[in-house]
PDB file of all heavy atoms in Angstrom:
ATOM      1  N   ILE A   1    -281.308  81.380  -8.866  1.00  0.00           N
ATOM      2  CA  ILE A   1    -281.743  82.751  -9.152  1.00  0.00           C
ATOM      3  C   ILE A   1    -280.984  83.760  -8.297  1.00  0.00           C
ATOM      4  O   ILE A   1    -280.458  84.759  -8.803  1.00  0.00           O
ATOM      5  CB  ILE A   1    -283.256  82.911  -8.931  1.00  0.00           C
ATOM      6  CG1 ILE A   1    -284.046  82.106  -9.968  1.00  0.00           C
ATOM      7  CG2 ILE A   1    -283.662  84.384  -8.987  1.00  0.00           C
ATOM      8  CD1 ILE A   1    -283.970  82.637 -11.375  1.00  0.00           C
ATOM      9  N   ALA A   2    -280.895  83.529  -7.005  1.00  0.00           N
ATOM     10  CA  ALA A   2    -280.199  84.469  -6.117  1.00  0.00           C
ATOM     11  C   ALA A   2    -278.746  84.625  -6.526  1.00  0.00           C
ATOM     12  O   ALA A   2    -278.203  85.745  -6.534  1.00  0.00           O
ATOM     13  CB  ALA A   2    -280.303  83.994  -4.669  1.00  0.00           C
ATOM     14  N   GLU A   3    -278.103  83.507  -6.869  1.00  0.00           N
ATOM     15  CA  GLU A   3    -276.709  83.559  -7.299  1.00  0.00           C
ATOM     16  C   GLU A   3    -276.563  84.417  -8.558  1.00  0.00           C
ATOM     17  O   GLU A   3    -275.623  85.207  -8.672  1.00  0.00           O
ATOM     18  CB  GLU A   3    -276.208  82.140  -7.569  1.00  0.00           C
ATOM     19  CG  GLU A   3    -274.757  82.059  -8.006  1.00  0.00           C
ATOM     20  CD  GLU A   3    -274.314  80.636  -8.301  1.00  0.00           C
ATOM     21  OE1 GLU A   3    -275.054  79.705  -7.928  1.00  0.00           O
ATOM     22  OE2 GLU A   3    -273.239  80.470  -8.907  1.00  0.00           O
ATOM     23  N   GLN A   4    -277.490  84.270  -9.483  1.00  0.00           N
ATOM     24  CA  GLN A   4    -277.445  85.065 -10.710  1.00  0.00           C
ATOM     25  C   GLN A   4    -277.630  86.554 -10.424  1.00  0.00           C
ATOM     26  O   GLN A   4    -276.958  87.401 -11.023  1.00  0.00           O
ATOM     27  CB  GLN A   4    -278.522  84.601 -11.686  1.00  0.00           C
ATOM     28  CG  GLN A   4    -278.303  83.238 -12.288  1.00  0.00           C
ATOM     29  CD  GLN A   4    -279.365  82.927 -13.336  1.00  0.00           C
ATOM     30  OE1 GLN A   4    -279.465  83.606 -14.361  1.00  0.00           O
ATOM     31  NE2 GLN A   4    -280.175  81.906 -13.068  1.00  0.00           N
ATOM     32  N   VAL A   5    -278.541  86.869  -9.512  1.00  0.00           N
ATOM     33  CA  VAL A   5    -278.800  88.271  -9.158  1.00  0.00           C
ATOM     34  C   VAL A   5    -277.545  88.906  -8.563  1.00  0.00           C
ATOM     35  O   VAL A   5    -277.127  90.005  -8.969  1.00  0.00           O
ATOM     36  CB  VAL A   5    -279.972  88.377  -8.160  1.00  0.00           C
ATOM     37  CG1 VAL A   5    -280.094  89.809  -7.627  1.00  0.00           C
ATOM     38  CG2 VAL A   5    -281.279  87.959  -8.824  1.00  0.00           C
ATOM     39  N   LEU A   6    -276.937  88.238  -7.602  1.00  0.00           N
ATOM     40  CA  LEU A   6    -275.763  88.797  -6.940  1.00  0.00           C
ATOM     41  C   LEU A   6    -274.577  88.904  -7.889  1.00  0.00           C
ATOM     42  O   LEU A   6    -273.807  89.880  -7.828  1.00  0.00           O
ATOM     43  CB  LEU A   6    -275.399  87.951  -5.728  1.00  0.00           C
ATOM     44  CG  LEU A   6    -276.451  87.913  -4.610  1.00  0.00           C
ATOM     45  CD1 LEU A   6    -275.960  87.064  -3.444  1.00  0.00           C
ATOM     46  CD2 LEU A   6    -276.812  89.306  -4.133  1.00  0.00           C
ATOM     47  N   LYS A   7    -274.438  87.943  -8.783  1.00  0.00           N
ATOM     48  CA  LYS A   7    -273.355  87.997  -9.768  1.00  0.00           C
ATOM     49  C   LYS A   7    -273.537  89.194 -10.692  1.00  0.00           C
ATOM     50  O   LYS A   7    -272.580  89.923 -10.997  1.00  0.00           O
ATOM     51  CB  LYS A   7    -273.321  86.702 -10.575  1.00  0.00           C
ATOM     52  CG  LYS A   7    -272.185  86.630 -11.576  1.00  0.00           C
ATOM     53  CD  LYS A   7    -272.176  85.287 -12.303  1.00  0.00           C
ATOM     54  CE  LYS A   7    -271.044  85.221 -13.317  1.00  0.00           C
ATOM     55  NZ  LYS A   7    -271.035  83.910 -14.042  1.00  0.00           N
ATOM     56  N   ALA A   8    -274.771  89.426 -11.136  1.00  0.00           N
ATOM     57  CA  ALA A   8    -275.046  90.566 -12.019  1.00  0.00           C
ATOM     58  C   ALA A   8    -274.833  91.888 -11.296  1.00  0.00           C
ATOM     59  O   ALA A   8    -274.268  92.841 -11.864  1.00  0.00           O
ATOM     60  CB  ALA A   8    -276.482  90.477 -12.549  1.00  0.00           C
ATOM     61  N   MET A   9    -275.247  91.960 -10.029  1.00  0.00           N
ATOM     62  CA  MET A   9    -275.075  93.192  -9.261  1.00  0.00           C
ATOM     63  C   MET A   9    -273.589  93.484  -9.032  1.00  0.00           C
ATOM     64  O   MET A   9    -273.144  94.635  -9.149  1.00  0.00           O
ATOM     65  CB  MET A   9    -275.796  93.088  -7.920  1.00  0.00           C
ATOM     66  CG  MET A   9    -275.725  94.369  -7.079  1.00  0.00           C
ATOM     67  SD  MET A   9    -276.513  94.211  -5.453  1.00  0.00           S
ATOM     68  CE  MET A   9    -275.388  93.074  -4.649  1.00  0.00           C
ATOM     69  N   ASP A  10    -272.822  92.467  -8.722  1.00  0.00           N
ATOM     70  CA  ASP A  10    -271.384  92.658  -8.494  1.00  0.00           C
ATOM     71  C   ASP A  10    -270.684  93.169  -9.753  1.00  0.00           C
ATOM     72  O   ASP A  10    -269.705  93.931  -9.669  1.00  0.00           O
ATOM     73  CB  ASP A  10    -270.744  91.341  -8.051  1.00  0.00           C
ATOM     74  CG  ASP A  10    -271.104  90.964  -6.620  1.00  0.00           C
ATOM     75  OD1 ASP A  10    -271.568  91.851  -5.877  1.00  0.00           O
ATOM     76  OD2 ASP A  10    -270.947  89.776  -6.264  1.00  0.00           O
ATOM     77  N   ALA A  11    -271.170  92.754 -10.925  1.00  0.00           N
ATOM     78  CA  ALA A  11    -270.541  93.150 -12.186  1.00  0.00           C
ATOM     79  C   ALA A  11    -271.042  94.502 -12.693  1.00  0.00           C
ATOM     80  O   ALA A  11    -270.471  95.051 -13.652  1.00  0.00           O
ATOM     81  CB  ALA A  11    -270.795  92.082 -13.245  1.00  0.00           C
ATOM     82  N   TYR A  12    -272.074  95.050 -12.054  1.00  0.00           N
ATOM     83  CA  TYR A  12    -272.703  96.285 -12.536  1.00  0.00           C
ATOM     84  C   TYR A  12    -271.848  97.506 -12.197  1.00  0.00           C
ATOM     85  O   TYR A  12    -271.650  97.839 -11.033  1.00  0.00           O
ATOM     86  CB  TYR A  12    -274.097  96.423 -11.925  1.00  0.00           C
ATOM     87  CG  TYR A  12    -274.835  97.689 -12.309  1.00  0.00           C
ATOM     88  CD1 TYR A  12    -274.909  98.111 -13.630  1.00  0.00           C
ATOM     89  CD2 TYR A  12    -275.479  98.459 -11.336  1.00  0.00           C
ATOM     90  CE1 TYR A  12    -275.591  99.263 -13.980  1.00  0.00           C
ATOM     91  CE2 TYR A  12    -276.171  99.601 -11.672  1.00  0.00           C
ATOM     92  CZ  TYR A  12    -276.224 100.008 -13.000  1.00  0.00           C
ATOM     93  OH  TYR A  12    -276.901 101.154 -13.335  1.00  0.00           O
ATOM     94  N   ASP A  13    -271.372  98.175 -13.224  1.00  0.00           N
ATOM     95  CA  ASP A  13    -270.589  99.404 -13.073  1.00  0.00           C
ATOM     96  C   ASP A  13    -271.346 100.524 -13.781  1.00  0.00           C
ATOM     97  O   ASP A  13    -271.222 100.704 -14.996  1.00  0.00           O
ATOM     98  CB  ASP A  13    -269.196  99.225 -13.674  1.00  0.00           C
ATOM     99  CG  ASP A  13    -268.366 100.509 -13.619  1.00  0.00           C
ATOM    100  OD1 ASP A  13    -268.796 101.471 -12.942  1.00  0.00           O
ATOM    101  OD2 ASP A  13    -267.299 100.550 -14.260  1.00  0.00           O
ATOM    102  N   TYR A  14    -272.133 101.277 -13.027  1.00  0.00           N
ATOM    103  CA  TYR A  14    -272.986 102.276 -13.670  1.00  0.00           C
ATOM    104  C   TYR A  14    -272.210 103.468 -14.220  1.00  0.00           C
ATOM    105  O   TYR A  14    -272.723 104.241 -15.018  1.00  0.00           O
ATOM    106  CB  TYR A  14    -274.100 102.734 -12.728  1.00  0.00           C
ATOM    107  CG  TYR A  14    -273.671 103.147 -11.341  1.00  0.00           C
ATOM    108  CD1 TYR A  14    -272.985 104.328 -11.101  1.00  0.00           C
ATOM    109  CD2 TYR A  14    -274.001 102.351 -10.236  1.00  0.00           C
ATOM    110  CE1 TYR A  14    -272.620 104.707  -9.822  1.00  0.00           C
ATOM    111  CE2 TYR A  14    -273.640 102.718  -8.952  1.00  0.00           C
ATOM    112  CZ  TYR A  14    -272.950 103.897  -8.750  1.00  0.00           C
ATOM    113  OH  TYR A  14    -272.591 104.274  -7.470  1.00  0.00           O
ATOM    114  N   ASN A  15    -270.966 103.621 -13.811  1.00  0.00           N
ATOM    115  CA  ASN A  15    -270.179 104.758 -14.304  1.00  0.00           C
ATOM    116  C   ASN A  15    -269.626 104.533 -15.716  1.00  0.00           C
ATOM    117  O   ASN A  15    -269.081 105.460 -16.325  1.00  0.00           O
ATOM    118  CB  ASN A  15    -269.026 105.056 -13.345  1.00  0.00           C
ATOM    119  CG  ASN A  15    -269.514 105.675 -12.051  1.00  0.00           C
ATOM    120  OD1 ASN A  15    -270.360 106.558 -12.057  1.00  0.00           O
ATOM    121  ND2 ASN A  15    -268.992 105.191 -10.929  1.00  0.00           N
ATOM    122  N   ARG A  16    -269.760 103.338 -16.240  1.00  0.00           N
ATOM    123  CA  ARG A  16    -269.201 103.069 -17.569  1.00  0.00           C
ATOM    124  C   ARG A  16    -270.151 103.475 -18.695  1.00  0.00           C
ATOM    125  O   ARG A  16    -269.761 103.506 -19.865  1.00  0.00           O
ATOM    126  CB  ARG A  16    -268.855 101.588 -17.712  1.00  0.00           C
ATOM    127  CG  ARG A  16    -270.039 100.654 -17.847  1.00  0.00           C
ATOM    128  CD  ARG A  16    -269.560  99.221 -18.078  1.00  0.00           C
ATOM    129  NE  ARG A  16    -270.653  98.259 -18.192  1.00  0.00           N
ATOM    130  CZ  ARG A  16    -271.307  98.005 -19.318  1.00  0.00           C
ATOM    131  NH1 ARG A  16    -271.005  98.654 -20.433  1.00  0.00           N
ATOM    132  NH2 ARG A  16    -272.269  97.097 -19.340  1.00  0.00           N
ATOM    133  N   TYR A  17    -271.405 103.810 -18.344  1.00  0.00           N
ATOM    134  CA  TYR A  17    -272.385 104.118 -19.389  1.00  0.00           C
ATOM    135  C   TYR A  17    -272.296 105.584 -19.824  1.00  0.00           C
ATOM    136  O   TYR A  17    -271.961 106.466 -19.031  1.00  0.00           O
ATOM    137  CB  TYR A  17    -273.807 103.818 -18.901  1.00  0.00           C
ATOM    138  CG  TYR A  17    -274.046 102.350 -18.644  1.00  0.00           C
ATOM    139  CD1 TYR A  17    -273.958 101.826 -17.350  1.00  0.00           C
ATOM    140  CD2 TYR A  17    -274.332 101.477 -19.687  1.00  0.00           C
ATOM    141  CE1 TYR A  17    -274.178 100.474 -17.109  1.00  0.00           C
ATOM    142  CE2 TYR A  17    -274.548 100.119 -19.456  1.00  0.00           C
ATOM    143  CZ  TYR A  17    -274.468  99.634 -18.162  1.00  0.00           C
ATOM    144  OH  TYR A  17    -274.671  98.300 -17.917  1.00  0.00           O
ATOM    145  N   THR A  18    -272.625 105.815 -21.093  1.00  0.00           N
ATOM    146  CA  THR A  18    -272.644 107.168 -21.656  1.00  0.00           C
ATOM    147  C   THR A  18    -274.083 107.559 -21.976  1.00  0.00           C
ATOM    148  O   THR A  18    -274.996 106.719 -21.974  1.00  0.00           O
ATOM    149  CB  THR A  18    -271.820 107.221 -22.948  1.00  0.00           C
ATOM    150  OG1 THR A  18    -272.464 106.394 -23.948  1.00  0.00           O
ATOM    151  CG2 THR A  18    -270.396 106.723 -22.717  1.00  0.00           C
ATOM    152  N   GLU A  19    -274.267 108.825 -22.272  1.00  0.00           N
ATOM    153  CA  GLU A  19    -275.595 109.293 -22.660  1.00  0.00           C
ATOM    154  C   GLU A  19    -276.057 108.584 -23.934  1.00  0.00           C
ATOM    155  O   GLU A  19    -277.249 108.315 -24.114  1.00  0.00           O
ATOM    156  CB  GLU A  19    -275.575 110.808 -22.865  1.00  0.00           C
ATOM    157  CG  GLU A  19    -276.952 111.420 -23.028  1.00  0.00           C
ATOM    158  CD  GLU A  19    -276.907 112.932 -23.029  1.00  0.00           C
ATOM    159  OE1 GLU A  19    -276.297 113.513 -22.107  1.00  0.00           O
ATOM    160  OE2 GLU A  19    -277.484 113.537 -23.956  1.00  0.00           O
ATOM    161  N   GLU A  20    -275.131 108.263 -24.803  1.00  0.00           N
ATOM    162  CA  GLU A  20    -275.469 107.524 -26.020  1.00  0.00           C
ATOM    163  C   GLU A  20    -276.014 106.137 -25.681  1.00  0.00           C
ATOM    164  O   GLU A  20    -276.974 105.661 -26.305  1.00  0.00           O
ATOM    165  CB  GLU A  20    -274.229 107.395 -26.913  1.00  0.00           C
ATOM    166  CG  GLU A  20    -274.492 106.685 -28.235  1.00  0.00           C
ATOM    167  CD  GLU A  20    -273.237 106.577 -29.083  1.00  0.00           C
ATOM    168  OE1 GLU A  20    -272.220 107.217 -28.731  1.00  0.00           O
ATOM    169  OE2 GLU A  20    -273.269 105.846 -30.094  1.00  0.00           O
ATOM    170  N   ASP A  21    -275.412 105.478 -24.687  1.00  0.00           N
ATOM    171  CA  ASP A  21    -275.912 104.174 -24.240  1.00  0.00           C
ATOM    172  C   ASP A  21    -277.339 104.294 -23.711  1.00  0.00           C
ATOM    173  O   ASP A  21    -278.188 103.428 -23.960  1.00  0.00           O
ATOM    174  CB  ASP A  21    -275.017 103.611 -23.131  1.00  0.00           C
ATOM    175  CG  ASP A  21    -273.608 103.293 -23.602  1.00  0.00           C
ATOM    176  OD1 ASP A  21    -273.450 102.886 -24.763  1.00  0.00           O
ATOM    177  OD2 ASP A  21    -272.669 103.473 -22.792  1.00  0.00           O
ATOM    178  N   VAL A  22    -277.572 105.365 -22.970  1.00  0.00           N
ATOM    179  CA  VAL A  22    -278.903 105.571 -22.381  1.00  0.00           C
ATOM    180  C   VAL A  22    -279.945 105.780 -23.484  1.00  0.00           C
ATOM    181  O   VAL A  22    -281.029 105.177 -23.454  1.00  0.00           O
ATOM    182  CB  VAL A  22    -278.895 106.769 -21.417  1.00  0.00           C
ATOM    183  CG1 VAL A  22    -280.305 107.018 -20.871  1.00  0.00           C
ATOM    184  CG2 VAL A  22    -277.918 106.528 -20.265  1.00  0.00           C
ATOM    185  N   MET A  23    -279.643 106.623 -24.463  1.00  0.00           N
ATOM    186  CA  MET A  23    -280.595 106.879 -25.546  1.00  0.00           C
ATOM    187  C   MET A  23    -280.869 105.601 -26.338  1.00  0.00           C
ATOM    188  O   MET A  23    -282.008 105.356 -26.763  1.00  0.00           O
ATOM    189  CB  MET A  23    -280.059 107.970 -26.465  1.00  0.00           C
ATOM    190  CG  MET A  23    -280.036 109.354 -25.836  1.00  0.00           C
ATOM    191  SD  MET A  23    -281.658 109.868 -25.163  1.00  0.00           S
ATOM    192  CE  MET A  23    -282.697 109.790 -26.629  1.00  0.00           C
ATOM    193  N   ARG A  24    -279.856 104.798 -26.541  1.00  0.00           N
ATOM    194  CA  ARG A  24    -280.053 103.534 -27.243  1.00  0.00           C
ATOM    195  C   ARG A  24    -280.987 102.628 -26.440  1.00  0.00           C
ATOM    196  O   ARG A  24    -281.862 101.953 -27.014  1.00  0.00           O
ATOM    197  CB  ARG A  24    -278.712 102.852 -27.471  1.00  0.00           C
ATOM    198  CG  ARG A  24    -278.805 101.578 -28.306  1.00  0.00           C
ATOM    199  CD  ARG A  24    -277.447 101.120 -28.828  1.00  0.00           C
ATOM    200  NE  ARG A  24    -276.451 101.046 -27.776  1.00  0.00           N
ATOM    201  CZ  ARG A  24    -275.390 101.862 -27.688  1.00  0.00           C
ATOM    202  NH1 ARG A  24    -275.219 102.834 -28.569  1.00  0.00           N
ATOM    203  NH2 ARG A  24    -274.509 101.719 -26.704  1.00  0.00           N
ATOM    204  N   ALA A  25    -280.849 102.616 -25.117  1.00  0.00           N
ATOM    205  CA  ALA A  25    -281.724 101.815 -24.260  1.00  0.00           C
ATOM    206  C   ALA A  25    -283.160 102.337 -24.292  1.00  0.00           C
ATOM    207  O   ALA A  25    -284.118 101.557 -24.326  1.00  0.00           O
ATOM    208  CB  ALA A  25    -281.193 101.814 -22.828  1.00  0.00           C
ATOM    209  N   ILE A  26    -283.312 103.655 -24.279  1.00  0.00           N
ATOM    210  CA  ILE A  26    -284.647 104.247 -24.326  1.00  0.00           C
ATOM    211  C   ILE A  26    -285.369 103.862 -25.611  1.00  0.00           C
ATOM    212  O   ILE A  26    -286.558 103.527 -25.620  1.00  0.00           O
ATOM    213  CB  ILE A  26    -284.562 105.788 -24.194  1.00  0.00           C
ATOM    214  CG1 ILE A  26    -284.112 106.181 -22.784  1.00  0.00           C
ATOM    215  CG2 ILE A  26    -285.913 106.446 -24.536  1.00  0.00           C
ATOM    216  CD1 ILE A  26    -283.833 107.663 -22.616  1.00  0.00           C
ATOM    217  N   GLU A  27    -284.657 103.875 -26.713  1.00  0.00           N
ATOM    218  CA  GLU A  27    -285.260 103.651 -28.028  1.00  0.00           C
ATOM    219  C   GLU A  27    -285.365 102.181 -28.408  1.00  0.00           C
ATOM    220  O   GLU A  27    -286.017 101.830 -29.394  1.00  0.00           O
ATOM    221  CB  GLU A  27    -284.452 104.409 -29.088  1.00  0.00           C
ATOM    222  CG  GLU A  27    -284.498 105.916 -28.904  1.00  0.00           C
ATOM    223  CD  GLU A  27    -283.425 106.653 -29.690  1.00  0.00           C
ATOM    224  OE1 GLU A  27    -282.660 105.969 -30.428  1.00  0.00           O
ATOM    225  OE2 GLU A  27    -283.347 107.894 -29.574  1.00  0.00           O
ATOM    226  N   SER A  28    -284.756 101.301 -27.628  1.00  0.00           N
ATOM    227  CA  SER A  28    -284.754  99.881 -27.959  1.00  0.00           C
ATOM    228  C   SER A  28    -286.157  99.291 -27.823  1.00  0.00           C
ATOM    229  O   SER A  28    -286.944  99.664 -26.952  1.00  0.00           O
ATOM    230  CB  SER A  28    -283.799  99.133 -27.032  1.00  0.00           C
ATOM    231  OG  SER A  28    -283.883  97.740 -27.243  1.00  0.00           O
ATOM    232  N   GLU A  29    -286.463  98.324 -28.681  1.00  0.00           N
ATOM    233  CA  GLU A  29    -287.746  97.631 -28.612  1.00  0.00           C
ATOM    234  C   GLU A  29    -287.658  96.374 -27.751  1.00  0.00           C
ATOM    235  O   GLU A  29    -288.678  95.880 -27.259  1.00  0.00           O
ATOM    236  CB  GLU A  29    -288.228  97.273 -30.024  1.00  0.00           C
ATOM    237  CG  GLU A  29    -288.594  98.491 -30.876  1.00  0.00           C
ATOM    238  CD  GLU A  29    -289.180  98.092 -32.206  1.00  0.00           C
ATOM    239  OE1 GLU A  29    -289.338  96.870 -32.443  1.00  0.00           O
ATOM    240  OE2 GLU A  29    -289.472  98.986 -33.020  1.00  0.00           O
ATOM    241  N   ASN A  30    -286.476  95.835 -27.597  1.00  0.00           N
ATOM    242  CA  ASN A  30    -286.263  94.635 -26.776  1.00  0.00           C
ATOM    243  C   ASN A  30    -285.116  94.901 -25.802  1.00  0.00           C
ATOM    244  O   ASN A  30    -283.962  94.572 -26.070  1.00  0.00           O
ATOM    245  CB  ASN A  30    -285.944  93.432 -27.660  1.00  0.00           C
ATOM    246  CG  ASN A  30    -287.087  93.085 -28.602  1.00  0.00           C
ATOM    247  OD1 ASN A  30    -288.151  92.662 -28.150  1.00  0.00           O
ATOM    248  ND2 ASN A  30    -286.872  93.261 -29.892  1.00  0.00           N
ATOM    249  N   ARG A  31    -285.442  95.517 -24.670  1.00  0.00           N
ATOM    250  CA  ARG A  31    -284.415  95.962 -23.735  1.00  0.00           C
ATOM    251  C   ARG A  31    -283.829  94.792 -22.959  1.00  0.00           C
ATOM    252  O   ARG A  31    -284.520  93.867 -22.556  1.00  0.00           O
ATOM    253  CB  ARG A  31    -284.992  97.014 -22.784  1.00  0.00           C
ATOM    254  CG  ARG A  31    -285.451  98.269 -23.529  1.00  0.00           C
ATOM    255  CD  ARG A  31    -286.030  99.333 -22.616  1.00  0.00           C
ATOM    256  NE  ARG A  31    -286.621 100.397 -23.432  1.00  0.00           N
ATOM    257  CZ  ARG A  31    -287.894 100.419 -23.788  1.00  0.00           C
ATOM    258  NH1 ARG A  31    -288.729  99.475 -23.368  1.00  0.00           N
ATOM    259  NH2 ARG A  31    -288.342 101.406 -24.557  1.00  0.00           N
ATOM    260  N   THR A  32    -282.544  94.870 -22.743  1.00  0.00           N
ATOM    261  CA  THR A  32    -281.795  93.848 -22.014  1.00  0.00           C
ATOM    262  C   THR A  32    -281.471  94.361 -20.611  1.00  0.00           C
ATOM    263  O   THR A  32    -281.709  95.538 -20.276  1.00  0.00           O
ATOM    264  CB  THR A  32    -280.486  93.539 -22.745  1.00  0.00           C
ATOM    265  OG1 THR A  32    -279.666  94.721 -22.734  1.00  0.00           O
ATOM    266  CG2 THR A  32    -280.759  93.118 -24.186  1.00  0.00           C
ATOM    267  N   LEU A  33    -280.871  93.498 -19.808  1.00  0.00           N
ATOM    268  CA  LEU A  33    -280.413  93.927 -18.491  1.00  0.00           C
ATOM    269  C   LEU A  33    -279.307  94.973 -18.609  1.00  0.00           C
ATOM    270  O   LEU A  33    -279.181  95.852 -17.748  1.00  0.00           O
ATOM    271  CB  LEU A  33    -279.920  92.731 -17.677  1.00  0.00           C
ATOM    272  CG  LEU A  33    -281.014  91.789 -17.152  1.00  0.00           C
ATOM    273  CD1 LEU A  33    -280.382  90.612 -16.417  1.00  0.00           C
ATOM    274  CD2 LEU A  33    -281.983  92.530 -16.229  1.00  0.00           C
ATOM    275  N   ASP A  34    -278.519  94.912 -19.679  1.00  0.00           N
ATOM    276  CA  ASP A  34    -277.498  95.941 -19.894  1.00  0.00           C
ATOM    277  C   ASP A  34    -278.149  97.289 -20.195  1.00  0.00           C
ATOM    278  O   ASP A  34    -277.691  98.334 -19.722  1.00  0.00           O
ATOM    279  CB  ASP A  34    -276.563  95.544 -21.032  1.00  0.00           C
ATOM    280  CG  ASP A  34    -275.353  96.463 -21.125  1.00  0.00           C
ATOM    281  OD1 ASP A  34    -274.619  96.581 -20.115  1.00  0.00           O
ATOM    282  OD2 ASP A  34    -275.144  97.077 -22.187  1.00  0.00           O
ATOM    283  N   ASP A  35    -279.234  97.282 -20.953  1.00  0.00           N
ATOM    284  CA  ASP A  35    -280.000  98.517 -21.181  1.00  0.00           C
ATOM    285  C   ASP A  35    -280.533  99.056 -19.860  1.00  0.00           C
ATOM    286  O   ASP A  35    -280.493 100.267 -19.601  1.00  0.00           O
ATOM    287  CB  ASP A  35    -281.167  98.252 -22.133  1.00  0.00           C
ATOM    288  CG  ASP A  35    -280.721  97.951 -23.549  1.00  0.00           C
ATOM    289  OD1 ASP A  35    -279.698  98.509 -23.987  1.00  0.00           O
ATOM    290  OD2 ASP A  35    -281.410  97.156 -24.218  1.00  0.00           O
ATOM    291  N   PHE A  36    -281.039  98.158 -19.045  1.00  0.00           N
ATOM    292  CA  PHE A  36    -281.558  98.541 -17.721  1.00  0.00           C
ATOM    293  C   PHE A  36    -280.466  99.204 -16.892  1.00  0.00           C
ATOM    294  O   PHE A  36    -280.695 100.221 -16.233  1.00  0.00           O
ATOM    295  CB  PHE A  36    -282.100  97.292 -17.028  1.00  0.00           C
ATOM    296  CG  PHE A  36    -282.680  97.514 -15.659  1.00  0.00           C
ATOM    297  CD1 PHE A  36    -283.661  98.467 -15.425  1.00  0.00           C
ATOM    298  CD2 PHE A  36    -282.260  96.736 -14.583  1.00  0.00           C
ATOM    299  CE1 PHE A  36    -284.208  98.657 -14.165  1.00  0.00           C
ATOM    300  CE2 PHE A  36    -282.799  96.906 -13.324  1.00  0.00           C
ATOM    301  CZ  PHE A  36    -283.773  97.870 -13.114  1.00  0.00           C
ATOM    302  N   GLY A  37    -279.272  98.645 -16.939  1.00  0.00           N
ATOM    303  CA  GLY A  37    -278.145  99.245 -16.228  1.00  0.00           C
ATOM    304  C   GLY A  37    -277.856 100.650 -16.705  1.00  0.00           C
ATOM    305  O   GLY A  37    -277.557 101.547 -15.901  1.00  0.00           O
ATOM    306  N   ALA A  38    -277.949 100.876 -18.014  1.00  0.00           N
ATOM    307  CA  ALA A  38    -277.735 102.219 -18.556  1.00  0.00           C
ATOM    308  C   ALA A  38    -278.810 103.185 -18.062  1.00  0.00           C
ATOM    309  O   ALA A  38    -278.518 104.338 -17.707  1.00  0.00           O
ATOM    310  CB  ALA A  38    -277.730 102.162 -20.081  1.00  0.00           C
ATOM    311  N   LEU A  39    -280.052 102.727 -18.013  1.00  0.00           N
ATOM    312  CA  LEU A  39    -281.170 103.575 -17.596  1.00  0.00           C
ATOM    313  C   LEU A  39    -281.059 104.001 -16.133  1.00  0.00           C
ATOM    314  O   LEU A  39    -281.583 105.052 -15.746  1.00  0.00           O
ATOM    315  CB  LEU A  39    -282.489 102.846 -17.820  1.00  0.00           C
ATOM    316  CG  LEU A  39    -282.839 102.556 -19.286  1.00  0.00           C
ATOM    317  CD1 LEU A  39    -284.019 101.588 -19.373  1.00  0.00           C
ATOM    318  CD2 LEU A  39    -283.157 103.851 -20.032  1.00  0.00           C
ATOM    319  N   LEU A  40    -280.377 103.201 -15.325  1.00  0.00           N
ATOM    320  CA  LEU A  40    -280.190 103.527 -13.912  1.00  0.00           C
ATOM    321  C   LEU A  40    -278.908 104.320 -13.651  1.00  0.00           C
ATOM    322  O   LEU A  40    -278.671 104.759 -12.526  1.00  0.00           O
ATOM    323  CB  LEU A  40    -280.148 102.247 -13.073  1.00  0.00           C
ATOM    324  CG  LEU A  40    -281.477 101.516 -12.856  1.00  0.00           C
ATOM    325  CD1 LEU A  40    -281.239 100.160 -12.224  1.00  0.00           C
ATOM    326  CD2 LEU A  40    -282.424 102.352 -11.999  1.00  0.00           C
ATOM    327  N   SER A  41    -278.100 104.538 -14.661  1.00  0.00           N
ATOM    328  CA  SER A  41    -276.793 105.174 -14.481  1.00  0.00           C
ATOM    329  C   SER A  41    -276.908 106.687 -14.347  1.00  0.00           C
ATOM    330  O   SER A  41    -277.914 107.291 -14.745  1.00  0.00           O
ATOM    331  CB  SER A  41    -275.895 104.849 -15.675  1.00  0.00           C
ATOM    332  OG  SER A  41    -276.326 105.553 -16.833  1.00  0.00           O
ATOM    333  N   PRO A  42    -275.890 107.337 -13.792  1.00  0.00           N
ATOM    334  CA  PRO A  42    -275.879 108.810 -13.735  1.00  0.00           C
ATOM    335  C   PRO A  42    -275.990 109.450 -15.112  1.00  0.00           C
ATOM    336  O   PRO A  42    -276.504 110.568 -15.243  1.00  0.00           O
ATOM    337  CB  PRO A  42    -274.525 109.118 -13.087  1.00  0.00           C
ATOM    338  CG  PRO A  42    -274.197 107.895 -12.288  1.00  0.00           C
ATOM    339  CD  PRO A  42    -274.733 106.746 -13.089  1.00  0.00           C
ATOM    340  N   ALA A  43    -275.552 108.758 -16.154  1.00  0.00           N
ATOM    341  CA  ALA A  43    -275.616 109.305 -17.507  1.00  0.00           C
ATOM    342  C   ALA A  43    -277.044 109.514 -17.985  1.00  0.00           C
ATOM    343  O   ALA A  43    -277.279 110.247 -18.964  1.00  0.00           O
ATOM    344  CB  ALA A  43    -274.882 108.373 -18.476  1.00  0.00           C
TER     345      ALA A  43
END
């Protein structure tokens, strides 16, 4: 589990998300970790 967490954090680039990505995450019924990344982004 710890290895998976650190691997995901290392790969997380919050600057790559757009406002469109964020709105898609907000409206999604089954949110993924990628959606979560968008929700935490500056966008």
